[in-house]
Amino acid sequence: MGLLVVALYALGNKHLGVNGGYVQVMTWVRRPRMAEMWQVWFIAGLILGWLVLSLMRGGQSFGLEYGALSRLLPLGV
């Protein structure tokens, strides 16, 4: 997956994923008409999803766990 992202970046010369979303948010702050809005909305959705989840859980929780996946495949850290 990582090599595919690097290859697409090399061929298309565009930032992809969260990194591309961050770049587009900064572009939107400086020049709103130049930004790709789907990536701005992608970052906004991630932040809003995190906020809703932390409110539903009763507070923030940081860690290396992935819920049921961590119980199935423990890291041993």
N, C-alpha and C. Protein backbone atom coordinates (compact mmCIF):
# COMPACT_ATOMS: atom_id res chain seq x y z
N MET A 1 0.83 -1.18 0.00
CA MET A 1 0.00 0.00 0.00
C MET A 1 0.88 1.25 0.00
N GLY A 2 1.91 1.25 0.84
CA GLY A 2 2.79 2.41 0.91
C GLY A 2 3.49 2.69 -0.40
N LEU A 3 3.94 1.63 -1.07
CA LEU A 3 4.61 1.81 -2.35
C LEU A 3 3.64 2.32 -3.42
N LEU A 4 2.39 1.90 -3.34
CA LEU A 4 1.39 2.39 -4.28
C LEU A 4 1.17 3.89 -4.11
N VAL A 5 1.10 4.35 -2.88
CA VAL A 5 0.93 5.78 -2.62
C VAL A 5 2.12 6.56 -3.16
N VAL A 6 3.34 6.03 -2.94
CA VAL A 6 4.54 6.70 -3.45
C VAL A 6 4.52 6.72 -4.98
N ALA A 7 4.12 5.61 -5.61
CA ALA A 7 4.06 5.56 -7.07
C ALA A 7 3.03 6.54 -7.62
N LEU A 8 1.86 6.60 -6.99
CA LEU A 8 0.84 7.54 -7.44
C LEU A 8 1.28 8.98 -7.24
N TYR A 9 2.00 9.24 -6.17
CA TYR A 9 2.53 10.59 -5.94
C TYR A 9 3.55 10.93 -7.02
N ALA A 10 4.40 9.97 -7.37
CA ALA A 10 5.42 10.21 -8.40
C ALA A 10 4.78 10.43 -9.77
N LEU A 11 3.73 9.67 -10.08
CA LEU A 11 3.09 9.79 -11.39
C LEU A 11 2.13 10.97 -11.49
N GLY A 12 1.36 11.20 -10.45
CA GLY A 12 0.34 12.24 -10.49
C GLY A 12 0.77 13.55 -9.86
N ASN A 13 1.87 13.54 -9.12
CA ASN A 13 2.39 14.72 -8.43
C ASN A 13 1.33 15.36 -7.53
N LYS A 14 0.58 14.53 -6.81
CA LYS A 14 -0.43 15.02 -5.87
C LYS A 14 -0.26 14.32 -4.54
N HIS A 15 -0.50 15.07 -3.47
CA HIS A 15 -0.48 14.49 -2.13
C HIS A 15 -1.75 13.67 -1.94
N LEU A 16 -1.61 12.50 -1.32
CA LEU A 16 -2.75 11.60 -1.14
C LEU A 16 -3.04 11.39 0.34
N GLY A 17 -4.25 10.95 0.63
CA GLY A 17 -4.62 10.59 1.99
C GLY A 17 -4.69 11.78 2.93
N VAL A 18 -4.36 11.53 4.18
CA VAL A 18 -4.45 12.57 5.20
C VAL A 18 -3.46 13.69 4.91
N ASN A 19 -2.28 13.35 4.43
CA ASN A 19 -1.29 14.37 4.11
C ASN A 19 -1.84 15.33 3.04
N GLY A 20 -2.47 14.79 2.03
CA GLY A 20 -3.08 15.63 1.00
C GLY A 20 -4.20 16.47 1.55
N GLY A 21 -4.97 15.91 2.46
CA GLY A 21 -6.04 16.67 3.10
C GLY A 21 -5.50 17.84 3.90
N TYR A 22 -4.41 17.60 4.62
CA TYR A 22 -3.80 18.68 5.40
C TYR A 22 -3.30 19.79 4.48
N VAL A 23 -2.66 19.41 3.39
CA VAL A 23 -2.17 20.41 2.43
C VAL A 23 -3.34 21.20 1.85
N GLN A 24 -4.44 20.52 1.54
CA GLN A 24 -5.60 21.22 0.97
C GLN A 24 -6.28 22.13 2.00
N VAL A 25 -6.28 21.75 3.27
CA VAL A 25 -6.83 22.63 4.31
C VAL A 25 -6.00 23.91 4.39
N MET A 26 -4.67 23.77 4.35
CA MET A 26 -3.81 24.95 4.39
C MET A 26 -4.00 25.81 3.13
N THR A 27 -4.20 25.16 1.99
CA THR A 27 -4.47 25.90 0.75
C THR A 27 -5.81 26.62 0.87
N TRP A 28 -6.81 25.96 1.43
CA TRP A 28 -8.14 26.56 1.59
C TRP A 28 -8.08 27.78 2.52
N VAL A 29 -7.23 27.72 3.55
CA VAL A 29 -7.10 28.85 4.46
C VAL A 29 -6.50 30.05 3.72
N ARG A 30 -5.51 29.79 2.86
CA ARG A 30 -4.84 30.88 2.15
C ARG A 30 -5.59 31.34 0.91
N ARG A 31 -6.04 30.40 0.08
CA ARG A 31 -6.73 30.71 -1.18
C ARG A 31 -7.89 29.74 -1.36
N PRO A 32 -9.06 30.06 -0.84
CA PRO A 32 -10.19 29.12 -0.84
C PRO A 32 -10.57 28.57 -2.22
N ARG A 33 -10.42 29.33 -3.27
CA ARG A 33 -10.84 28.87 -4.59
C ARG A 33 -9.88 27.85 -5.20
N MET A 34 -8.67 27.74 -4.66
CA MET A 34 -7.67 26.83 -5.21
C MET A 34 -7.69 25.43 -4.58
N ALA A 35 -8.41 25.27 -3.49
CA ALA A 35 -8.39 24.00 -2.74
C ALA A 35 -9.34 22.98 -3.36
N GLU A 36 -8.96 21.71 -3.22
CA GLU A 36 -9.85 20.61 -3.59
C GLU A 36 -10.73 20.32 -2.37
N MET A 37 -11.99 20.68 -2.47
CA MET A 37 -12.87 20.66 -1.31
C MET A 37 -13.13 19.27 -0.75
N TRP A 38 -13.07 18.22 -1.57
CA TRP A 38 -13.34 16.89 -1.02
C TRP A 38 -12.30 16.52 0.01
N GLN A 39 -11.05 16.96 -0.16
CA GLN A 39 -10.02 16.64 0.83
C GLN A 39 -10.18 17.49 2.09
N VAL A 40 -10.66 18.73 1.93
CA VAL A 40 -10.95 19.56 3.09
C VAL A 40 -12.07 18.92 3.91
N TRP A 41 -13.12 18.44 3.23
CA TRP A 41 -14.22 17.78 3.93
C TRP A 41 -13.78 16.45 4.55
N PHE A 42 -12.82 15.78 3.93
CA PHE A 42 -12.28 14.54 4.49
C PHE A 42 -11.64 14.80 5.84
N ILE A 43 -10.80 15.83 5.93
CA ILE A 43 -10.15 16.18 7.20
C ILE A 43 -11.19 16.64 8.22
N ALA A 44 -12.17 17.44 7.76
CA ALA A 44 -13.22 17.89 8.68
C ALA A 44 -14.01 16.70 9.23
N GLY A 45 -14.27 15.70 8.38
CA GLY A 45 -14.97 14.50 8.83
C GLY A 45 -14.17 13.70 9.84
N LEU A 46 -12.86 13.61 9.63
CA LEU A 46 -12.01 12.91 10.61
C LEU A 46 -12.06 13.60 11.97
N ILE A 47 -11.95 14.91 11.95
CA ILE A 47 -11.97 15.67 13.21
C ILE A 47 -13.34 15.57 13.87
N LEU A 48 -14.39 15.71 13.09
CA LEU A 48 -15.74 15.62 13.65
C LEU A 48 -16.02 14.21 14.19
N GLY A 49 -15.57 13.18 13.47
CA GLY A 49 -15.73 11.81 13.95
C GLY A 49 -15.00 11.57 15.25
N TRP A 50 -13.77 12.10 15.35
CA TRP A 50 -13.01 11.96 16.59
C TRP A 50 -13.75 12.66 17.73
N LEU A 51 -14.29 13.85 17.46
CA LEU A 51 -15.00 14.60 18.50
C LEU A 51 -16.25 13.85 18.96
N VAL A 52 -17.03 13.33 18.03
CA VAL A 52 -18.24 12.58 18.40
C VAL A 52 -17.88 11.33 19.20
N LEU A 53 -16.87 10.61 18.76
CA LEU A 53 -16.46 9.40 19.47
C LEU A 53 -15.97 9.72 20.88
N SER A 54 -15.17 10.77 21.03
CA SER A 54 -14.67 11.09 22.37
C SER A 54 -15.80 11.55 23.28
N LEU A 55 -16.81 12.23 22.73
CA LEU A 55 -17.96 12.63 23.55
C LEU A 55 -18.79 11.41 23.95
N MET A 56 -18.94 10.45 23.04
CA MET A 56 -19.72 9.24 23.35
C MET A 56 -19.00 8.37 24.38
N ARG A 57 -17.68 8.37 24.36
CA ARG A 57 -16.91 7.55 25.30
C ARG A 57 -16.76 8.23 26.66
N GLY A 58 -17.07 9.50 26.74
CA GLY A 58 -16.94 10.21 28.00
C GLY A 58 -15.56 10.83 28.21
N GLY A 59 -14.80 10.98 27.16
CA GLY A 59 -13.48 11.61 27.25
C GLY A 59 -12.51 10.99 26.26
N GLN A 60 -11.39 11.63 26.13
CA GLN A 60 -10.38 11.15 25.21
C GLN A 60 -9.65 9.95 25.80
N SER A 61 -9.24 9.06 24.93
CA SER A 61 -8.41 7.94 25.38
C SER A 61 -7.33 7.72 24.32
N PHE A 62 -6.09 7.79 24.74
CA PHE A 62 -4.98 7.61 23.84
C PHE A 62 -4.30 6.28 24.14
N GLY A 63 -3.82 5.62 23.14
CA GLY A 63 -3.13 4.36 23.34
C GLY A 63 -2.85 3.70 22.01
N LEU A 64 -2.28 2.53 22.10
CA LEU A 64 -1.94 1.77 20.89
C LEU A 64 -2.98 0.71 20.56
N GLU A 65 -4.11 0.69 21.26
CA GLU A 65 -5.10 -0.35 21.07
C GLU A 65 -6.03 -0.05 19.90
N TYR A 66 -6.51 -1.13 19.27
CA TYR A 66 -7.50 -1.05 18.21
C TYR A 66 -8.75 -1.84 18.59
N GLY A 67 -9.12 -1.80 19.86
CA GLY A 67 -10.32 -2.47 20.30
C GLY A 67 -10.22 -3.98 20.21
N ALA A 68 -11.19 -4.60 19.52
CA ALA A 68 -11.25 -6.06 19.40
C ALA A 68 -10.03 -6.61 18.66
N LEU A 69 -9.50 -5.88 17.71
CA LEU A 69 -8.33 -6.34 16.98
C LEU A 69 -7.12 -6.47 17.91
N SER A 70 -6.98 -5.56 18.85
CA SER A 70 -5.87 -5.64 19.81
C SER A 70 -6.00 -6.84 20.74
N ARG A 71 -7.23 -7.21 21.06
CA ARG A 71 -7.43 -8.39 21.89
C ARG A 71 -7.11 -9.66 21.11
N LEU A 72 -7.40 -9.65 19.82
CA LEU A 72 -7.14 -10.80 18.97
C LEU A 72 -5.67 -10.92 18.62
N LEU A 73 -5.02 -9.82 18.33
CA LEU A 73 -3.60 -9.80 17.95
C LEU A 73 -2.84 -8.82 18.83
N PRO A 74 -2.47 -9.22 20.03
CA PRO A 74 -1.80 -8.29 20.95
C PRO A 74 -0.41 -7.92 20.44
N LEU A 75 -0.02 -6.65 20.67
CA LEU A 75 1.29 -6.17 20.26
C LEU A 75 2.40 -6.64 21.17
N GLY A 76 2.10 -6.86 22.42
CA GLY A 76 3.13 -7.27 23.38
C GLY A 76 3.96 -6.10 23.86
N VAL A 77 3.45 -4.90 23.72
CA VAL A 77 4.18 -3.70 24.16
C VAL A 77 3.80 -3.38 25.58
